[in-house]
Amino acid sequence: MSWNKIAAIGDWSTVFPLKAIGIEAHSIAENDDAAKLLRHLANSKEFGIIFVQENLLERIHPVMEEFLDKDLPAIILIPSVSGSEKLGISIIRDTMKKAAGRDILAEE
């Protein structure tokens, strides 16, 4: 178990092109259990990075919380091919608020 792989979870049109650069793509349908898949990939200790399409956040958030304090795998939200929902920056902003005590990413 070497943590040297990268995986991506999302709809087919978002994750399929990532296969071209060696990322293990996992296409997920509306009724599939995204949280179960993420937990399986994260616990496998094979993946150092797992990209997750940001519109799956509501479905996978509890699993993301489980791995928040761990170094690996890094679970990173990515936008779909149709564009960003700004959920990733929202999580980063909340984390920075907790660390710095104020919103250092706020636009002045």
Protein backbone atom coordinates (compact mmCIF):
# COMPACT_ATOMS: atom_id res chain seq x y z
CA MET A 1 0.00 0.00 0.00
CA SER A 2 1.87 3.00 -1.25
CA TRP A 3 -0.65 5.86 -1.47
CA ASN A 4 0.66 6.66 -4.95
CA LYS A 5 -2.54 6.59 -6.99
CA ILE A 6 -5.04 9.33 -7.77
CA ALA A 7 -8.77 8.70 -8.08
CA ALA A 8 -11.72 10.81 -9.17
CA ILE A 9 -15.41 10.39 -8.35
CA GLY A 10 -18.11 12.18 -10.33
CA ASP A 11 -20.36 12.00 -13.32
CA TRP A 12 -19.02 10.32 -16.43
CA SER A 13 -18.44 13.51 -18.42
CA THR A 14 -16.33 14.99 -15.60
CA VAL A 15 -14.17 12.02 -14.58
CA PHE A 16 -13.76 10.12 -17.85
CA PRO A 17 -11.33 12.64 -19.42
CA LEU A 18 -9.11 12.33 -16.33
CA LYS A 19 -8.34 8.74 -17.30
CA ALA A 20 -6.18 10.15 -20.10
CA ILE A 21 -3.67 11.40 -17.53
CA GLY A 22 -3.67 8.25 -15.42
CA ILE A 23 -6.31 9.08 -12.83
CA GLU A 24 -8.54 6.18 -11.82
CA ALA A 25 -12.03 7.41 -12.74
CA HIS A 26 -15.16 6.28 -10.91
CA SER A 27 -18.35 7.38 -12.61
CA ILE A 28 -21.27 7.67 -10.23
CA ALA A 29 -24.96 7.87 -10.99
CA GLU A 30 -27.60 9.83 -9.08
CA ASN A 31 -28.75 6.84 -7.03
CA ASP A 32 -25.27 5.40 -6.35
CA ASP A 33 -23.80 5.62 -2.87
CA ALA A 34 -20.99 8.16 -3.34
CA ALA A 35 -20.14 8.14 0.37
CA LYS A 36 -19.64 4.37 0.38
CA LEU A 37 -17.37 4.56 -2.68
CA LEU A 38 -15.32 7.41 -1.19
CA ARG A 39 -14.91 5.56 2.12
CA HIS A 40 -13.80 2.42 0.25
CA LEU A 41 -11.21 4.30 -1.81
CA ALA A 42 -9.91 6.27 1.17
CA ASN A 43 -9.59 3.20 3.39
CA SER A 44 -7.80 1.23 0.67
CA LYS A 45 -4.61 3.22 1.40
CA GLU A 46 -3.83 3.14 -2.33
CA PHE A 47 -4.85 6.70 -3.14
CA GLY A 48 -2.94 9.78 -2.03
CA ILE A 49 -5.43 12.10 -3.70
CA ILE A 50 -9.12 11.61 -4.34
CA PHE A 51 -10.90 14.22 -6.44
CA VAL A 52 -14.65 14.43 -5.88
CA GLN A 53 -17.05 16.40 -8.04
CA GLU A 54 -18.29 19.25 -5.87
CA ASN A 55 -22.00 18.67 -6.46
CA LEU A 56 -21.57 15.37 -4.54
CA LEU A 57 -20.57 17.25 -1.38
CA GLU A 58 -23.92 16.83 0.36
CA ARG A 59 -23.76 13.07 -0.19
CA ILE A 60 -20.12 12.61 0.88
CA HIS A 61 -19.70 15.26 3.58
CA PRO A 62 -19.79 12.82 6.55
CA VAL A 63 -17.01 10.75 4.96
CA MET A 64 -14.95 13.87 4.24
CA GLU A 65 -15.23 14.76 7.94
CA GLU A 66 -13.84 11.32 8.88
CA PHE A 67 -10.68 11.95 6.87
CA LEU A 68 -10.30 15.66 7.60
CA ASP A 69 -7.66 15.20 10.29
CA LYS A 70 -5.66 12.62 8.36
CA ASP A 71 -2.74 13.45 6.10
CA LEU A 72 -3.76 10.99 3.41
CA PRO A 73 -5.72 10.76 1.32
CA ALA A 74 -6.29 14.36 0.36
CA ILE A 75 -9.94 14.66 -0.66
CA ILE A 76 -10.30 17.59 -3.04
CA LEU A 77 -13.50 18.96 -4.53
CA ILE A 78 -13.42 19.68 -8.26
CA PRO A 79 -16.01 21.42 -10.44
CA SER A 80 -18.03 19.52 -12.99
CA VAL A 81 -17.62 20.16 -16.70
CA SER A 82 -20.61 22.50 -16.49
CA GLY A 83 -18.82 24.82 -14.06
CA SER A 84 -18.08 25.48 -10.43
CA GLU A 85 -20.64 25.78 -7.68
CA LYS A 86 -18.02 27.52 -5.45
CA LEU A 87 -18.37 24.82 -2.79
CA GLY A 88 -14.63 24.11 -2.65
CA ILE A 89 -13.74 27.72 -1.88
CA SER A 90 -16.48 27.80 0.75
CA ILE A 91 -14.86 24.90 2.61
CA ILE A 92 -11.42 26.50 2.34
CA ARG A 93 -12.83 29.79 3.64
CA ASP A 94 -14.45 28.07 6.64
CA THR A 95 -11.22 26.23 7.45
CA MET A 96 -9.21 29.45 7.23
CA LYS A 97 -11.70 31.22 9.52
CA LYS A 98 -11.21 28.53 12.14
CA ALA A 99 -7.42 28.70 11.84
CA ALA A 100 -6.99 32.48 11.70
CA GLY A 101 -9.99 33.57 13.71
CA ARG A 102 -11.32 35.74 10.90
CA ASP A 103 -12.08 35.60 7.19
CA ILE A 104 -8.67 36.34 5.65
CA LEU A 105 -9.96 35.41 2.20
CA ALA A 106 -12.68 38.08 2.20
CA GLU A 107 -12.48 40.62 -0.56
CA GLU A 108 -11.97 44.12 0.73
